[in-house]
Amino acid sequence: MALWLDTLVVLIILTNLKLLGSSRLRACIQVVAFQGILLSLVPMLAGAGHLTPRIVALALLTMTVKGVIFPWLLLRVLRTANVHREMEPFVSYTTSILVGVGLLAASVWMGRQLPLPVPSQSPLVVPLALFNTMVGLFVLVSRRKALTQVLGYLVMENGIYAFGLAFALEEPLLVELGTLLDVFMAVFIMGIMIFHINRELDHIDTDRLSVLKD
């Protein structure tokens, strides 16, 4: 089962590199949705020896929210904004992929140095969580479109959430559901904000908001 978990972690890492190298916003949303579905399977594989209804319910809820509801909300915003690509990011896509490889190496190194209260089923889970967090933060600061920045926020949250999912057997369900609800509300509010920005200004480039004048 550890082999399947390692394979799942590698696939999630590849989705991050795909996100860094893609300019098409629809494809980016689909990548983050696929990442959410893969992430929802982590607790089931990590606790395969003693699955409980709580772990199964958490996996199904995570898959529904991250793999269905979030992409549906963001695709609706994408259609409303009528924007298809991130044309001129602050950091080019080739450079972004190189930065991603560097972040992955740093994540693996830091994951080995970090002491864990509970042994993980895979040595790659903690590096994955760190990598997701750093990639999400990088996307937040290196992209111009508000929608892409929302995706960066989701990827960063996926990294934080991966820590909890890896040790789901030790966490109370209410804490996990509360975190998921917070993220849902944040994405919902961000979608509303993007809609209003596009309606009032005819674009969703956040860097152009700094030049607004009365």
Protein backbone atom coordinates (compact mmCIF):
# COMPACT_ATOMS: atom_id res chain seq x y z
CA MET A 1 0.00 0.00 0.00
CA ALA A 2 2.97 2.29 0.60
CA LEU A 3 3.83 1.94 -3.10
CA TRP A 4 0.38 3.21 -4.10
CA LEU A 5 0.71 6.11 -1.69
CA ASP A 6 4.12 7.03 -3.11
CA THR A 7 2.68 6.87 -6.64
CA LEU A 8 -0.17 9.15 -5.60
CA VAL A 9 2.26 11.65 -4.10
CA VAL A 10 4.34 11.68 -7.31
CA LEU A 11 1.20 12.37 -9.37
CA ILE A 12 0.29 15.31 -7.12
CA ILE A 13 3.82 16.69 -7.49
CA LEU A 14 3.47 16.46 -11.28
CA THR A 15 0.20 18.42 -11.14
CA ASN A 16 2.08 21.26 -9.45
CA LEU A 17 4.69 21.32 -12.21
CA LYS A 18 1.91 21.23 -14.80
CA LEU A 19 0.25 24.21 -13.12
CA LEU A 20 3.51 26.18 -13.18
CA GLY A 21 3.95 25.57 -16.91
CA SER A 22 0.39 26.15 -18.14
CA SER A 23 -1.01 29.45 -19.40
CA ARG A 24 -4.55 28.24 -20.16
CA LEU A 25 -6.79 29.10 -17.20
CA ARG A 26 -9.29 26.31 -17.86
CA ALA A 27 -6.48 23.76 -17.90
CA CYS A 28 -5.11 25.22 -14.66
CA ILE A 29 -8.51 24.84 -12.98
CA GLN A 30 -8.74 21.25 -14.19
CA VAL A 31 -5.23 20.51 -12.89
CA VAL A 32 -6.08 21.88 -9.43
CA ALA A 33 -9.35 19.90 -9.46
CA PHE A 34 -7.46 16.71 -10.32
CA GLN A 35 -4.98 17.51 -7.56
CA GLY A 36 -7.85 17.83 -5.08
CA ILE A 37 -9.23 14.43 -6.12
CA LEU A 38 -5.82 12.82 -5.71
CA LEU A 39 -5.36 14.53 -2.37
CA SER A 40 -8.66 13.14 -1.11
CA LEU A 41 -7.30 9.60 -1.58
CA VAL A 42 -4.28 10.20 0.68
CA PRO A 43 -6.01 9.46 4.02
CA MET A 44 -7.56 6.26 2.65
CA LEU A 45 -4.18 4.95 1.50
CA ALA A 46 -2.40 6.18 4.63
CA GLY A 47 -4.92 4.41 6.84
CA ALA A 48 -5.56 1.42 4.61
CA GLY A 49 -4.81 -0.98 7.42
CA HIS A 50 -7.59 0.39 9.63
CA LEU A 51 -10.11 2.36 7.56
CA THR A 52 -12.91 3.90 9.56
CA PRO A 53 -16.18 5.54 8.46
CA ARG A 54 -14.68 8.88 9.54
CA ILE A 55 -11.74 8.56 7.15
CA VAL A 56 -13.97 7.44 4.28
CA ALA A 57 -16.38 10.32 4.92
CA LEU A 58 -13.49 12.79 5.03
CA ALA A 59 -12.11 11.47 1.71
CA LEU A 60 -15.50 11.69 -0.01
CA LEU A 61 -16.16 15.20 1.32
CA THR A 62 -12.70 16.40 0.27
CA MET A 63 -13.17 14.90 -3.20
CA THR A 64 -16.57 16.57 -3.58
CA VAL A 65 -15.46 20.01 -2.41
CA LYS A 66 -11.99 20.18 -3.99
CA GLY A 67 -12.68 18.09 -7.09
CA VAL A 68 -16.21 19.23 -7.99
CA ILE A 69 -17.52 22.31 -6.16
CA PHE A 70 -14.40 24.48 -6.32
CA PRO A 71 -13.76 23.83 -10.05
CA TRP A 72 -17.44 24.46 -10.83
CA LEU A 73 -17.32 27.84 -9.06
CA LEU A 74 -14.08 28.84 -10.76
CA LEU A 75 -15.23 27.74 -14.21
CA ARG A 76 -18.33 29.88 -13.81
CA VAL A 77 -16.13 32.86 -12.92
CA LEU A 78 -13.91 32.06 -15.93
CA ARG A 79 -16.89 32.12 -18.31
CA THR A 80 -18.12 35.39 -16.81
CA ALA A 81 -14.72 37.07 -17.05
CA ASN A 82 -14.22 35.78 -20.63
CA VAL A 83 -10.49 35.36 -20.04
CA HIS A 84 -8.71 32.27 -21.35
CA ARG A 85 -4.99 32.69 -20.73
CA GLU A 86 -2.47 34.18 -18.34
CA MET A 87 -0.55 36.01 -21.06
CA GLU A 88 2.21 37.92 -19.25
CA PRO A 89 3.01 36.52 -15.80
CA PHE A 90 5.62 38.26 -13.68
CA VAL A 91 7.78 35.10 -14.01
CA SER A 92 7.88 33.24 -17.34
CA TYR A 93 6.55 29.70 -17.53
CA THR A 94 9.93 28.14 -18.30
CA THR A 95 11.48 29.92 -15.34
CA SER A 96 8.50 28.95 -13.20
CA ILE A 97 9.09 25.26 -13.91
CA LEU A 98 12.78 25.64 -13.02
CA VAL A 99 11.78 27.39 -9.80
CA GLY A 100 9.35 24.52 -9.15
CA VAL A 101 12.13 21.96 -9.49
CA GLY A 102 14.22 23.96 -7.03
CA LEU A 103 11.31 24.17 -4.60
CA LEU A 104 10.82 20.41 -4.88
CA ALA A 105 14.46 19.77 -4.01
CA ALA A 106 14.20 22.16 -1.05
CA SER A 107 10.99 20.45 0.10
CA VAL A 108 12.59 17.00 0.06
CA TRP A 109 15.55 18.29 2.06
CA MET A 110 13.37 20.07 4.63
CA GLY A 111 11.06 17.08 4.88
CA ARG A 112 13.96 14.91 5.95
CA GLN A 113 14.99 17.39 8.65
CA LEU A 114 11.51 17.85 10.11
CA PRO A 115 10.75 15.63 13.15
CA LEU A 116 7.26 14.13 13.08
CA PRO A 117 5.09 13.34 16.11
CA VAL A 118 3.60 10.33 14.28
CA PRO A 119 5.39 8.17 11.66
CA SER A 120 4.05 8.67 8.16
CA GLN A 121 3.15 5.85 5.78
CA SER A 122 5.35 7.47 3.13
CA PRO A 123 8.49 9.61 3.45
CA LEU A 124 7.21 11.70 0.53
CA VAL A 125 4.05 13.01 2.20
CA VAL A 126 5.73 15.78 4.21
CA PRO A 127 7.87 16.96 1.24
CA LEU A 128 4.65 16.99 -0.80
CA ALA A 129 2.93 19.20 1.77
CA LEU A 130 5.87 21.60 1.83
CA PHE A 131 6.12 21.61 -1.97
CA ASN A 132 2.42 22.37 -2.40
CA THR A 133 2.61 25.21 0.10
CA MET A 134 5.60 26.81 -1.59
CA VAL A 135 4.24 26.35 -5.13
CA GLY A 136 0.93 27.91 -4.10
CA LEU A 137 2.71 30.89 -2.59
CA PHE A 138 4.87 31.24 -5.70
CA VAL A 139 1.81 31.25 -7.97
CA LEU A 140 0.19 33.89 -5.76
CA VAL A 141 3.09 36.32 -6.22
CA SER A 142 4.12 35.48 -9.80
CA ARG A 143 0.81 35.65 -11.68
CA ARG A 144 -1.25 38.67 -12.68
CA LYS A 145 -4.77 37.26 -13.05
CA ALA A 146 -6.90 37.19 -9.92
CA LEU A 147 -8.27 33.79 -10.93
CA THR A 148 -4.79 32.28 -11.16
CA GLN A 149 -4.00 33.72 -7.74
CA VAL A 150 -7.08 31.98 -6.34
CA LEU A 151 -5.69 28.73 -7.76
CA GLY A 152 -2.40 29.49 -6.03
CA TYR A 153 -4.28 29.92 -2.76
CA LEU A 154 -5.99 26.56 -3.27
CA VAL A 155 -2.69 24.80 -4.01
CA MET A 156 -1.12 26.36 -0.92
CA GLU A 157 -4.09 25.24 1.17
CA ASN A 158 -3.78 21.75 -0.31
CA GLY A 159 -0.25 21.64 1.05
CA ILE A 160 -1.39 22.67 4.52
CA TYR A 161 -4.27 20.22 4.32
CA ALA A 162 -1.92 17.40 3.26
CA PHE A 163 -0.25 17.54 6.67
CA GLY A 164 -3.59 16.81 8.28
CA LEU A 165 -4.65 14.17 5.77
CA ALA A 166 -1.40 12.29 6.21
CA PHE A 167 -2.14 11.92 9.92
CA ALA A 168 -5.95 11.82 9.70
CA LEU A 169 -6.11 9.02 12.24
CA GLU A 170 -4.88 11.38 14.92
CA GLU A 171 -7.08 14.39 14.21
CA PRO A 172 -10.63 15.17 15.33
CA LEU A 173 -13.12 15.24 12.44
CA LEU A 174 -14.56 18.61 13.46
CA VAL A 175 -11.15 20.28 13.00
CA GLU A 176 -10.82 18.84 9.49
CA LEU A 177 -14.35 19.80 8.48
CA GLY A 178 -13.90 23.28 9.95
CA THR A 179 -10.77 23.80 7.85
CA LEU A 180 -12.57 22.63 4.72
CA LEU A 181 -15.48 24.97 5.43
CA ASP A 182 -13.09 27.92 5.87
CA VAL A 183 -11.50 27.19 2.50
CA PHE A 184 -14.91 26.87 0.85
CA MET A 185 -15.97 30.28 2.14
CA ALA A 186 -12.68 31.84 1.07
CA VAL A 187 -13.01 30.53 -2.50
CA PHE A 188 -16.66 31.57 -2.64
CA ILE A 189 -15.80 35.13 -1.56
CA MET A 190 -12.85 35.28 -3.98
CA GLY A 191 -15.13 34.22 -6.84
CA ILE A 192 -17.56 37.03 -5.99
CA MET A 193 -14.69 39.52 -5.84
CA ILE A 194 -13.35 38.45 -9.24
CA PHE A 195 -16.83 38.76 -10.73
CA HIS A 196 -17.23 42.32 -9.44
CA ILE A 197 -13.70 43.33 -10.48
CA ASN A 198 -14.36 42.09 -14.01
CA ARG A 199 -17.79 43.74 -14.19
CA GLU A 200 -16.52 47.14 -13.04
CA LEU A 201 -13.09 47.22 -14.71
CA ASP A 202 -13.41 44.80 -17.68
CA HIS A 203 -10.33 42.85 -16.59
CA ILE A 204 -9.06 40.68 -13.71
CA ASP A 205 -5.39 41.76 -13.76
CA THR A 206 -4.53 42.52 -10.15
CA ASP A 207 -1.38 44.46 -11.03
CA ARG A 208 -3.50 47.05 -12.90
CA LEU A 209 -5.51 47.76 -9.75
CA SER A 210 -2.52 49.61 -8.31
CA VAL A 211 -2.86 52.37 -10.90
CA LEU A 212 -6.50 53.18 -10.14
CA LYS A 213 -7.21 56.81 -9.38
CA ASP A 214 -10.23 58.77 -8.26
